[in-house]
N, C-alpha and C. Protein backbone atom coordinates (compact mmCIF):
# COMPACT_ATOMS: atom_id res chain seq x y z
N MET A 1 14.94 263.70 107.58
CA MET A 1 13.93 263.83 108.62
C MET A 1 12.83 264.76 108.14
N ILE A 2 11.62 264.40 108.49
CA ILE A 2 10.43 265.20 108.19
C ILE A 2 9.78 265.58 109.52
N VAL A 3 9.47 266.86 109.69
CA VAL A 3 8.75 267.31 110.87
C VAL A 3 7.27 267.41 110.48
N ILE A 4 6.43 266.88 111.34
CA ILE A 4 5.01 266.74 111.05
C ILE A 4 4.20 267.81 111.79
N ASP A 5 3.30 268.44 111.06
CA ASP A 5 2.38 269.42 111.62
C ASP A 5 1.05 268.75 111.96
N ALA A 6 0.34 269.30 112.90
CA ALA A 6 -0.94 268.71 113.32
C ALA A 6 -1.94 268.64 112.17
N SER A 7 -1.93 269.62 111.28
CA SER A 7 -2.88 269.59 110.17
C SER A 7 -2.71 268.36 109.30
N TRP A 8 -1.48 267.90 109.17
CA TRP A 8 -1.21 266.71 108.37
C TRP A 8 -1.68 265.45 109.10
N VAL A 9 -1.43 265.37 110.39
CA VAL A 9 -1.87 264.20 111.17
C VAL A 9 -3.39 264.11 111.18
N VAL A 10 -4.05 265.23 111.39
CA VAL A 10 -5.51 265.25 111.40
C VAL A 10 -6.05 264.76 110.06
N ALA A 11 -5.49 265.25 108.97
CA ALA A 11 -5.94 264.83 107.63
C ALA A 11 -5.70 263.34 107.41
N LEU A 12 -4.57 262.85 107.88
CA LEU A 12 -4.25 261.44 107.72
C LEU A 12 -5.24 260.55 108.46
N ARG A 13 -5.61 260.95 109.65
CA ARG A 13 -6.45 260.11 110.51
C ARG A 13 -7.95 260.25 110.27
N ASP A 14 -8.36 261.28 109.51
CA ASP A 14 -9.78 261.54 109.30
C ASP A 14 -10.15 261.34 107.83
N PRO A 15 -10.80 260.23 107.52
CA PRO A 15 -11.13 259.93 106.11
C PRO A 15 -12.04 260.96 105.44
N VAL A 16 -12.76 261.78 106.21
CA VAL A 16 -13.61 262.80 105.59
C VAL A 16 -12.92 264.16 105.48
N ASP A 17 -11.71 264.27 105.99
CA ASP A 17 -10.95 265.52 105.85
C ASP A 17 -10.65 265.76 104.37
N LYS A 18 -10.75 267.01 103.94
CA LYS A 18 -10.54 267.32 102.52
C LYS A 18 -9.12 267.01 102.04
N HIS A 19 -8.17 266.89 102.96
CA HIS A 19 -6.78 266.59 102.60
C HIS A 19 -6.40 265.13 102.84
N HIS A 20 -7.37 264.30 103.21
CA HIS A 20 -7.05 262.93 103.58
C HIS A 20 -6.30 262.17 102.48
N ARG A 21 -6.81 262.19 101.28
CA ARG A 21 -6.15 261.45 100.19
C ARG A 21 -4.72 261.93 99.97
N GLN A 22 -4.54 263.22 100.03
CA GLN A 22 -3.20 263.78 99.85
C GLN A 22 -2.28 263.37 100.99
N ALA A 23 -2.80 263.33 102.21
CA ALA A 23 -1.99 262.90 103.36
C ALA A 23 -1.59 261.44 103.22
N VAL A 24 -2.51 260.60 102.79
CA VAL A 24 -2.20 259.18 102.58
C VAL A 24 -1.13 259.04 101.50
N ALA A 25 -1.25 259.80 100.44
CA ALA A 25 -0.25 259.74 99.37
C ALA A 25 1.12 260.21 99.88
N THR A 26 1.12 261.23 100.69
CA THR A 26 2.37 261.75 101.25
C THR A 26 3.01 260.77 102.22
N LEU A 27 2.19 259.96 102.85
CA LEU A 27 2.68 258.97 103.82
C LEU A 27 3.77 258.09 103.21
N GLN A 28 3.66 257.78 101.94
CA GLN A 28 4.67 256.95 101.27
C GLN A 28 6.04 257.62 101.27
N GLU A 29 6.07 258.95 101.21
CA GLU A 29 7.33 259.67 101.24
C GLU A 29 8.00 259.57 102.61
N LEU A 30 7.21 259.29 103.64
CA LEU A 30 7.74 259.20 105.00
C LEU A 30 8.24 257.80 105.34
N ALA A 31 7.94 256.84 104.50
CA ALA A 31 8.22 255.43 104.81
C ALA A 31 9.68 255.16 105.18
N ASN A 32 10.59 255.81 104.53
CA ASN A 32 12.01 255.55 104.77
C ASN A 32 12.71 256.67 105.51
N GLU A 33 11.95 257.57 106.09
CA GLU A 33 12.55 258.70 106.81
C GLU A 33 12.00 258.80 108.23
N GLU A 34 12.80 259.38 109.07
CA GLU A 34 12.36 259.65 110.43
C GLU A 34 11.31 260.76 110.39
N ALA A 35 10.17 260.53 111.01
CA ALA A 35 9.09 261.52 111.09
C ALA A 35 9.00 261.99 112.53
N LEU A 36 9.08 263.28 112.74
CA LEU A 36 9.21 263.86 114.07
C LEU A 36 8.03 264.76 114.40
N LEU A 37 7.48 264.58 115.59
CA LEU A 37 6.43 265.45 116.13
C LEU A 37 6.99 266.22 117.32
N HIS A 38 6.68 267.48 117.41
CA HIS A 38 6.99 268.23 118.62
C HIS A 38 5.93 267.85 119.67
N PRO A 39 6.28 267.83 120.96
CA PRO A 39 5.28 267.49 121.99
C PRO A 39 4.03 268.37 121.94
N LEU A 40 4.17 269.64 121.59
CA LEU A 40 2.99 270.50 121.47
C LEU A 40 2.10 270.04 120.32
N THR A 41 2.71 269.62 119.22
CA THR A 41 1.95 269.09 118.09
C THR A 41 1.23 267.81 118.51
N LEU A 42 1.91 266.98 119.26
CA LEU A 42 1.29 265.76 119.78
C LEU A 42 0.04 266.12 120.58
N ALA A 43 0.17 267.12 121.45
CA ALA A 43 -0.98 267.55 122.26
C ALA A 43 -2.12 268.05 121.37
N GLU A 44 -1.79 268.83 120.33
CA GLU A 44 -2.83 269.31 119.41
C GLU A 44 -3.57 268.13 118.76
N CYS A 45 -2.82 267.11 118.40
CA CYS A 45 -3.40 265.94 117.73
C CYS A 45 -4.25 265.09 118.68
N LEU A 46 -4.07 265.29 119.97
CA LEU A 46 -4.79 264.47 120.95
C LEU A 46 -6.05 265.12 121.50
N VAL A 47 -6.34 266.34 121.10
CA VAL A 47 -7.53 267.03 121.61
C VAL A 47 -8.80 266.29 121.20
N ALA A 48 -8.96 266.01 119.92
CA ALA A 48 -10.17 265.30 119.47
C ALA A 48 -10.30 263.92 120.11
N PRO A 49 -9.22 263.11 120.15
CA PRO A 49 -9.34 261.83 120.85
C PRO A 49 -9.71 261.98 122.33
N ALA A 50 -9.23 263.04 122.97
CA ALA A 50 -9.60 263.27 124.37
C ALA A 50 -11.11 263.52 124.49
N LYS A 51 -11.66 264.29 123.55
CA LYS A 51 -13.10 264.55 123.56
C LYS A 51 -13.90 263.29 123.31
N LEU A 52 -13.34 262.37 122.54
CA LEU A 52 -14.03 261.13 122.19
C LEU A 52 -13.80 260.01 123.20
N GLY A 53 -12.97 260.28 124.22
CA GLY A 53 -12.70 259.28 125.25
C GLY A 53 -11.70 258.21 124.84
N VAL A 54 -10.88 258.50 123.84
CA VAL A 54 -9.88 257.53 123.37
C VAL A 54 -8.47 258.13 123.41
N LEU A 55 -8.23 258.97 124.40
CA LEU A 55 -6.96 259.68 124.50
C LEU A 55 -5.77 258.73 124.60
N GLU A 56 -5.82 257.79 125.50
CA GLU A 56 -4.68 256.90 125.72
C GLU A 56 -4.36 256.08 124.47
N GLU A 57 -5.40 255.56 123.83
CA GLU A 57 -5.19 254.76 122.62
C GLU A 57 -4.56 255.59 121.51
N ALA A 58 -5.06 256.82 121.35
CA ALA A 58 -4.52 257.71 120.32
C ALA A 58 -3.08 258.09 120.63
N ALA A 59 -2.77 258.33 121.90
CA ALA A 59 -1.40 258.69 122.27
C ALA A 59 -0.45 257.54 121.96
N VAL A 60 -0.85 256.33 122.28
CA VAL A 60 0.00 255.17 121.99
C VAL A 60 0.22 255.05 120.48
N ALA A 61 -0.84 255.22 119.70
CA ALA A 61 -0.73 255.10 118.25
C ALA A 61 0.20 256.16 117.67
N LEU A 62 0.07 257.39 118.12
CA LEU A 62 0.93 258.47 117.60
C LEU A 62 2.39 258.27 118.03
N ARG A 63 2.58 257.90 119.28
CA ARG A 63 3.96 257.69 119.76
C ARG A 63 4.63 256.52 119.07
N SER A 64 3.86 255.54 118.63
CA SER A 64 4.47 254.41 117.92
C SER A 64 4.69 254.73 116.45
N SER A 65 4.04 255.75 115.94
CA SER A 65 4.17 256.12 114.53
C SER A 65 5.22 257.20 114.28
N PHE A 66 5.49 258.03 115.27
CA PHE A 66 6.38 259.17 115.09
C PHE A 66 7.38 259.27 116.25
N TYR A 67 8.53 259.84 115.96
CA TYR A 67 9.46 260.21 117.01
C TYR A 67 8.93 261.48 117.65
N ILE A 68 9.19 261.66 118.93
CA ILE A 68 8.77 262.87 119.64
C ILE A 68 10.03 263.67 119.96
N ALA A 69 10.02 264.93 119.58
CA ALA A 69 11.20 265.80 119.75
C ALA A 69 11.44 266.10 121.22
N ASP A 70 12.71 266.28 121.55
CA ASP A 70 13.09 266.77 122.87
C ASP A 70 13.05 268.30 122.84
N ILE A 71 12.82 268.90 124.00
CA ILE A 71 12.80 270.36 124.10
C ILE A 71 14.05 270.79 124.85
N ASP A 72 14.83 271.65 124.23
CA ASP A 72 16.03 272.14 124.90
C ASP A 72 15.75 273.49 125.57
N PRO A 73 16.59 273.90 126.52
CA PRO A 73 16.32 275.13 127.29
C PRO A 73 16.28 276.41 126.44
N ASP A 74 16.95 276.42 125.29
CA ASP A 74 16.97 277.62 124.45
C ASP A 74 15.79 277.69 123.48
N ALA A 75 15.00 276.64 123.42
CA ALA A 75 13.89 276.58 122.47
C ALA A 75 12.91 277.75 122.62
N PRO A 76 12.48 278.13 123.82
CA PRO A 76 11.53 279.24 123.92
C PRO A 76 12.04 280.55 123.31
N LEU A 77 13.34 280.78 123.38
CA LEU A 77 13.90 281.99 122.75
C LEU A 77 13.75 281.91 121.23
N ARG A 78 14.03 280.74 120.66
CA ARG A 78 13.89 280.57 119.21
C ARG A 78 12.43 280.69 118.80
N TRP A 79 11.53 280.11 119.60
CA TRP A 79 10.10 280.18 119.29
C TRP A 79 9.63 281.63 119.26
N ALA A 80 10.04 282.39 120.27
CA ALA A 80 9.63 283.79 120.34
C ALA A 80 10.16 284.57 119.14
N ARG A 81 11.41 284.32 118.78
CA ARG A 81 12.02 285.00 117.64
C ARG A 81 11.27 284.67 116.34
N LEU A 82 10.98 283.38 116.13
CA LEU A 82 10.25 283.00 114.93
C LEU A 82 8.83 283.55 114.93
N ARG A 83 8.19 283.53 116.07
CA ARG A 83 6.83 284.08 116.18
C ARG A 83 6.85 285.56 115.81
N ALA A 84 7.85 286.28 116.31
CA ALA A 84 7.95 287.72 116.06
C ALA A 84 8.30 288.03 114.61
N THR A 85 9.15 287.21 114.00
CA THR A 85 9.63 287.53 112.65
C THR A 85 8.77 286.96 111.53
N THR A 86 7.99 285.93 111.83
CA THR A 86 7.20 285.30 110.76
C THR A 86 5.72 285.61 110.83
N GLY A 87 5.24 286.01 111.99
CA GLY A 87 3.81 286.24 112.16
C GLY A 87 3.01 284.95 112.32
N LEU A 88 3.70 283.82 112.41
CA LEU A 88 3.02 282.55 112.61
C LEU A 88 2.42 282.47 114.01
N ARG A 89 1.35 281.69 114.14
CA ARG A 89 0.84 281.39 115.47
C ARG A 89 1.94 280.60 116.19
N LEU A 90 1.96 280.66 117.50
CA LEU A 90 3.02 280.00 118.26
C LEU A 90 3.15 278.51 117.96
N PRO A 91 2.06 277.73 117.90
CA PRO A 91 2.25 276.30 117.57
C PRO A 91 2.94 276.09 116.22
N ASP A 92 2.63 276.93 115.25
CA ASP A 92 3.27 276.80 113.94
C ASP A 92 4.73 277.26 113.97
N ALA A 93 5.02 278.30 114.75
CA ALA A 93 6.41 278.73 114.91
C ALA A 93 7.23 277.63 115.57
N ILE A 94 6.62 276.91 116.49
CA ILE A 94 7.31 275.81 117.16
C ILE A 94 7.59 274.67 116.18
N VAL A 95 6.64 274.36 115.31
CA VAL A 95 6.87 273.34 114.30
C VAL A 95 8.00 273.76 113.37
N LEU A 96 7.98 275.00 112.93
CA LEU A 96 9.04 275.50 112.05
C LEU A 96 10.39 275.46 112.75
N ASP A 97 10.43 275.88 114.01
CA ASP A 97 11.69 275.82 114.76
C ASP A 97 12.19 274.39 114.89
N THR A 98 11.29 273.48 115.15
CA THR A 98 11.69 272.07 115.28
C THR A 98 12.35 271.59 114.00
N ALA A 99 11.77 271.92 112.87
CA ALA A 99 12.35 271.52 111.59
C ALA A 99 13.71 272.16 111.37
N LEU A 100 13.82 273.44 111.66
CA LEU A 100 15.10 274.13 111.46
C LEU A 100 16.16 273.63 112.43
N HIS A 101 15.79 273.50 113.69
CA HIS A 101 16.75 273.10 114.72
C HIS A 101 17.23 271.66 114.53
N CYS A 102 16.37 270.80 114.00
CA CYS A 102 16.73 269.39 113.79
C CYS A 102 17.26 269.11 112.39
N ASN A 103 17.46 270.17 111.62
CA ASN A 103 17.97 270.04 110.24
C ASN A 103 17.10 269.11 109.40
N ALA A 104 15.81 269.24 109.53
CA ALA A 104 14.87 268.44 108.73
C ALA A 104 14.98 268.86 107.27
N ARG A 105 14.63 267.95 106.39
CA ARG A 105 14.61 268.31 104.97
C ARG A 105 13.28 268.92 104.58
N ALA A 106 12.22 268.62 105.38
CA ALA A 106 10.89 269.10 105.00
C ALA A 106 9.93 269.08 106.18
N LEU A 107 8.82 269.78 105.97
CA LEU A 107 7.66 269.74 106.86
C LEU A 107 6.53 269.05 106.13
N ALA A 108 5.70 268.32 106.84
CA ALA A 108 4.46 267.79 106.30
C ALA A 108 3.34 268.62 106.92
N THR A 109 2.64 269.39 106.09
CA THR A 109 1.61 270.29 106.59
C THR A 109 0.59 270.60 105.51
N PHE A 110 -0.61 270.98 105.92
CA PHE A 110 -1.62 271.50 105.02
C PHE A 110 -1.92 272.96 105.36
N ASP A 111 -1.12 273.56 106.19
CA ASP A 111 -1.26 274.95 106.58
C ASP A 111 -0.46 275.80 105.59
N ASP A 112 -1.17 276.59 104.79
CA ASP A 112 -0.51 277.35 103.73
C ASP A 112 0.50 278.37 104.26
N GLN A 113 0.16 279.03 105.36
CA GLN A 113 1.07 280.04 105.92
C GLN A 113 2.34 279.38 106.45
N LEU A 114 2.20 278.27 107.16
CA LEU A 114 3.37 277.55 107.67
C LEU A 114 4.20 277.03 106.50
N ALA A 115 3.55 276.51 105.48
CA ALA A 115 4.27 276.00 104.30
C ALA A 115 5.07 277.11 103.63
N ALA A 116 4.48 278.28 103.50
CA ALA A 116 5.18 279.40 102.87
C ALA A 116 6.40 279.82 103.69
N ARG A 117 6.25 279.89 105.01
CA ARG A 117 7.39 280.27 105.87
C ARG A 117 8.48 279.21 105.83
N ALA A 118 8.08 277.94 105.79
CA ALA A 118 9.06 276.86 105.72
C ALA A 118 9.87 276.95 104.44
N THR A 119 9.19 277.22 103.34
CA THR A 119 9.86 277.35 102.05
C THR A 119 10.85 278.52 102.09
N LYS A 120 10.45 279.63 102.68
CA LYS A 120 11.35 280.80 102.79
C LYS A 120 12.59 280.47 103.61
N HIS A 121 12.47 279.50 104.51
CA HIS A 121 13.62 279.09 105.33
C HIS A 121 14.38 277.92 104.71
N GLY A 122 14.06 277.58 103.47
CA GLY A 122 14.81 276.55 102.75
C GLY A 122 14.37 275.13 103.00
N LEU A 123 13.20 274.95 103.60
CA LEU A 123 12.69 273.60 103.85
C LEU A 123 11.76 273.16 102.73
N GLY A 124 11.76 271.87 102.46
CA GLY A 124 10.77 271.32 101.56
C GLY A 124 9.44 271.23 102.28
N VAL A 125 8.37 271.10 101.52
CA VAL A 125 7.03 270.97 102.11
C VAL A 125 6.33 269.80 101.46
N LEU A 126 5.82 268.90 102.29
CA LEU A 126 5.02 267.77 101.83
C LEU A 126 3.59 268.03 102.24
N GLY A 127 2.67 267.79 101.34
CA GLY A 127 1.26 267.95 101.68
C GLY A 127 0.58 269.03 100.90
N THR A 128 1.04 270.24 101.03
CA THR A 128 0.38 271.36 100.39
C THR A 128 1.26 271.95 99.31
N THR A 129 0.67 272.62 98.37
CA THR A 129 1.42 273.27 97.31
C THR A 129 1.66 274.71 97.71
N VAL A 130 2.93 275.10 97.76
CA VAL A 130 3.29 276.46 98.13
C VAL A 130 3.24 277.33 96.91
N THR A 131 2.53 278.47 97.03
CA THR A 131 2.44 279.40 95.89
C THR A 131 3.29 280.62 96.15
């Protein structure tokens, strides 16, 4: 399983994004694996479509392309702990928690800080090179 970050989805969907080619190349690695979005990540990915008046179409496309994670009652405690211990912004801590809680093998992201924290937690990273 691969957990997807909003930065990766944005790069994939925007041909002028500086990471677009890399996102398209990474897409092949997802072909045979379950790709999971957290509902908050889904919302982040839908902001631009909402501004453009294509929210519903974008939501249908994303939901048909990715699995959407369930939220359990203990998740906010884990999010707070990760936010406190990693210094990540809350949306990124939630993505990291989703990957850890679902035993994902990797994250797909272009966020260097999230990639570094994921690597420290033993996750692979698709998209960006961790230094």
